[in-house]
Amino acid sequence: QIVENLEALFPGIRDRLVDDNRIKPNVSVAVDGEVTPIGMLEKVTESSEIHFLPAIGGGARPKRVS
């Protein structure tokens, strides 16, 4: 519902956030300051604060080639 409301205000935003009715893998969703692993299934209230952020991956060092 939130994404649909955003789409009404900002046409084209849905295509940037959603693919096949799921949040795209390169997008993270934070609800009330917490990144949620369940994306569009997270329950929100009228006063919830929602952020769509670029997902950050990695953390492993590349292997050194001798």
N, C-alpha and C. Protein backbone atom coordinates (compact mmCIF):
# COMPACT_ATOMS: atom_id res chain seq x y z
N GLN A 1 0.82 -1.18 0.00
CA GLN A 1 0.00 0.00 0.00
C GLN A 1 0.87 1.25 0.00
N ILE A 2 1.96 1.22 0.76
CA ILE A 2 2.86 2.37 0.81
C ILE A 2 3.48 2.62 -0.56
N VAL A 3 3.92 1.57 -1.20
CA VAL A 3 4.54 1.72 -2.52
C VAL A 3 3.51 2.26 -3.51
N GLU A 4 2.29 1.78 -3.43
CA GLU A 4 1.24 2.26 -4.34
C GLU A 4 0.94 3.74 -4.09
N ASN A 5 0.92 4.14 -2.83
CA ASN A 5 0.71 5.56 -2.51
C ASN A 5 1.86 6.41 -3.03
N LEU A 6 3.08 5.92 -2.89
CA LEU A 6 4.23 6.64 -3.44
C LEU A 6 4.15 6.74 -4.96
N GLU A 7 3.71 5.67 -5.59
CA GLU A 7 3.58 5.66 -7.05
C GLU A 7 2.58 6.72 -7.52
N ALA A 8 1.51 6.92 -6.76
CA ALA A 8 0.53 7.95 -7.11
C ALA A 8 1.14 9.35 -7.03
N LEU A 9 2.02 9.54 -6.04
CA LEU A 9 2.67 10.85 -5.88
C LEU A 9 3.88 11.03 -6.79
N PHE A 10 4.61 9.95 -7.01
CA PHE A 10 5.86 9.98 -7.78
C PHE A 10 5.85 8.86 -8.82
N PRO A 11 5.16 9.09 -9.94
CA PRO A 11 5.05 8.04 -10.97
C PRO A 11 6.43 7.50 -11.38
N GLY A 12 6.54 6.16 -11.39
CA GLY A 12 7.79 5.51 -11.77
C GLY A 12 8.58 4.97 -10.60
N ILE A 13 8.24 5.41 -9.38
CA ILE A 13 9.00 4.95 -8.21
C ILE A 13 8.81 3.46 -7.97
N ARG A 14 7.63 2.94 -8.28
CA ARG A 14 7.37 1.51 -8.06
C ARG A 14 8.37 0.66 -8.85
N ASP A 15 8.63 1.04 -10.09
CA ASP A 15 9.58 0.27 -10.91
C ASP A 15 10.99 0.30 -10.35
N ARG A 16 11.32 1.33 -9.60
CA ARG A 16 12.66 1.42 -8.99
C ARG A 16 12.77 0.59 -7.72
N LEU A 17 11.63 0.35 -7.06
CA LEU A 17 11.63 -0.35 -5.78
C LEU A 17 11.20 -1.80 -5.83
N VAL A 18 10.31 -2.13 -6.77
CA VAL A 18 9.64 -3.43 -6.75
C VAL A 18 9.83 -4.17 -8.07
N ASP A 19 10.01 -5.49 -7.95
CA ASP A 19 10.08 -6.37 -9.10
C ASP A 19 9.28 -7.62 -8.75
N ASP A 20 8.28 -7.94 -9.53
CA ASP A 20 7.43 -9.12 -9.26
C ASP A 20 6.79 -9.08 -7.88
N ASN A 21 6.30 -7.93 -7.49
CA ASN A 21 5.64 -7.72 -6.19
C ASN A 21 6.55 -7.98 -4.99
N ARG A 22 7.85 -7.87 -5.19
CA ARG A 22 8.83 -8.00 -4.11
C ARG A 22 9.79 -6.83 -4.18
N ILE A 23 10.27 -6.41 -3.03
CA ILE A 23 11.29 -5.36 -3.01
C ILE A 23 12.51 -5.89 -3.76
N LYS A 24 13.06 -5.06 -4.63
CA LYS A 24 14.23 -5.49 -5.41
C LYS A 24 15.39 -5.83 -4.48
N PRO A 25 16.25 -6.77 -4.91
CA PRO A 25 17.35 -7.19 -4.04
C PRO A 25 18.37 -6.08 -3.77
N ASN A 26 18.39 -5.04 -4.59
CA ASN A 26 19.34 -3.95 -4.35
C ASN A 26 18.73 -2.84 -3.51
N VAL A 27 17.56 -3.10 -2.89
CA VAL A 27 16.88 -2.12 -2.04
C VAL A 27 16.63 -2.74 -0.67
N SER A 28 16.95 -1.99 0.38
CA SER A 28 16.62 -2.39 1.74
C SER A 28 15.51 -1.48 2.25
N VAL A 29 14.69 -2.01 3.16
CA VAL A 29 13.60 -1.24 3.75
C VAL A 29 13.85 -1.11 5.24
N ALA A 30 13.79 0.12 5.73
CA ALA A 30 13.90 0.36 7.17
C ALA A 30 12.57 0.92 7.66
N VAL A 31 12.03 0.31 8.71
CA VAL A 31 10.78 0.76 9.31
C VAL A 31 11.09 1.17 10.74
N ASP A 32 10.78 2.40 11.04
CA ASP A 32 11.02 2.95 12.38
C ASP A 32 12.47 2.73 12.84
N GLY A 33 13.40 2.93 11.92
CA GLY A 33 14.81 2.87 12.26
C GLY A 33 15.45 1.49 12.22
N GLU A 34 14.68 0.47 11.90
CA GLU A 34 15.21 -0.90 11.85
C GLU A 34 15.09 -1.45 10.44
N VAL A 35 16.20 -1.94 9.89
CA VAL A 35 16.15 -2.58 8.57
C VAL A 35 15.41 -3.89 8.74
N THR A 36 14.43 -4.11 7.89
CA THR A 36 13.60 -5.30 8.00
C THR A 36 13.95 -6.32 6.92
N PRO A 37 14.10 -7.58 7.30
CA PRO A 37 14.39 -8.61 6.30
C PRO A 37 13.15 -9.06 5.52
N ILE A 38 11.95 -8.64 5.96
CA ILE A 38 10.75 -9.10 5.27
C ILE A 38 10.14 -8.05 4.35
N GLY A 39 10.83 -6.95 4.17
CA GLY A 39 10.45 -5.94 3.18
C GLY A 39 9.00 -5.53 3.21
N MET A 40 8.27 -5.83 2.13
CA MET A 40 6.89 -5.38 1.97
C MET A 40 5.92 -6.05 2.92
N LEU A 41 6.34 -7.06 3.64
CA LEU A 41 5.45 -7.75 4.57
C LEU A 41 5.48 -7.15 5.98
N GLU A 42 6.41 -6.25 6.21
CA GLU A 42 6.54 -5.62 7.53
C GLU A 42 5.29 -4.80 7.83
N LYS A 43 4.74 -4.97 9.02
CA LYS A 43 3.57 -4.19 9.41
C LYS A 43 4.01 -2.79 9.79
N VAL A 44 3.20 -1.83 9.40
CA VAL A 44 3.48 -0.43 9.73
C VAL A 44 2.22 0.20 10.31
N THR A 45 2.41 1.29 11.01
CA THR A 45 1.28 2.05 11.54
C THR A 45 1.22 3.38 10.80
N GLU A 46 0.20 4.13 11.08
CA GLU A 46 0.04 5.44 10.45
C GLU A 46 1.21 6.36 10.78
N SER A 47 1.84 6.15 11.93
CA SER A 47 2.95 7.02 12.34
C SER A 47 4.33 6.41 12.04
N SER A 48 4.37 5.26 11.38
CA SER A 48 5.66 4.63 11.06
C SER A 48 6.46 5.48 10.08
N GLU A 49 7.77 5.42 10.25
CA GLU A 49 8.69 6.09 9.34
C GLU A 49 9.37 5.02 8.50
N ILE A 50 9.23 5.14 7.18
CA ILE A 50 9.75 4.12 6.26
C ILE A 50 10.81 4.75 5.37
N HIS A 51 11.93 4.03 5.24
CA HIS A 51 13.02 4.47 4.36
C HIS A 51 13.34 3.34 3.39
N PHE A 52 13.56 3.70 2.14
CA PHE A 52 14.03 2.77 1.13
C PHE A 52 15.49 3.15 0.86
N LEU A 53 16.38 2.20 1.06
CA LEU A 53 17.82 2.46 0.98
C LEU A 53 18.48 1.51 0.00
N PRO A 54 19.60 1.95 -0.59
CA PRO A 54 20.36 1.00 -1.41
C PRO A 54 20.92 -0.09 -0.51
N ALA A 55 20.73 -1.33 -0.90
CA ALA A 55 21.26 -2.45 -0.10
C ALA A 55 22.78 -2.43 -0.15
N ILE A 56 23.38 -2.76 0.96
CA ILE A 56 24.84 -2.79 1.05
C ILE A 56 25.26 -4.23 1.25
N GLY A 57 26.14 -4.71 0.41
CA GLY A 57 26.61 -6.08 0.51
C GLY A 57 28.10 -6.12 0.76
N GLY A 58 28.60 -7.30 0.81
CA GLY A 58 30.05 -7.46 0.96
C GLY A 58 30.44 -7.76 2.38
N GLY A 59 31.66 -7.40 2.70
CA GLY A 59 32.18 -7.66 4.02
C GLY A 59 33.34 -8.65 4.00
N ALA A 60 33.44 -9.40 2.94
CA ALA A 60 34.55 -10.36 2.83
C ALA A 60 35.69 -9.71 2.02
N ARG A 61 36.88 -9.98 2.45
CA ARG A 61 38.04 -9.47 1.73
C ARG A 61 38.27 -10.30 0.48
N PRO A 62 38.69 -9.64 -0.60
CA PRO A 62 39.03 -10.42 -1.79
C PRO A 62 40.26 -11.29 -1.51
N LYS A 63 40.30 -12.45 -2.13
CA LYS A 63 41.44 -13.35 -1.96
C LYS A 63 42.65 -12.79 -2.69
N ARG A 64 43.79 -12.90 -2.06
CA ARG A 64 45.03 -12.45 -2.69
C ARG A 64 45.55 -13.50 -3.64
N VAL A 65 45.96 -13.04 -4.77
CA VAL A 65 46.56 -13.94 -5.76
C VAL A 65 48.07 -13.74 -5.67
N SER A 66 48.78 -14.82 -5.45
CA SER A 66 50.25 -14.71 -5.32
C SER A 66 50.94 -14.77 -6.65
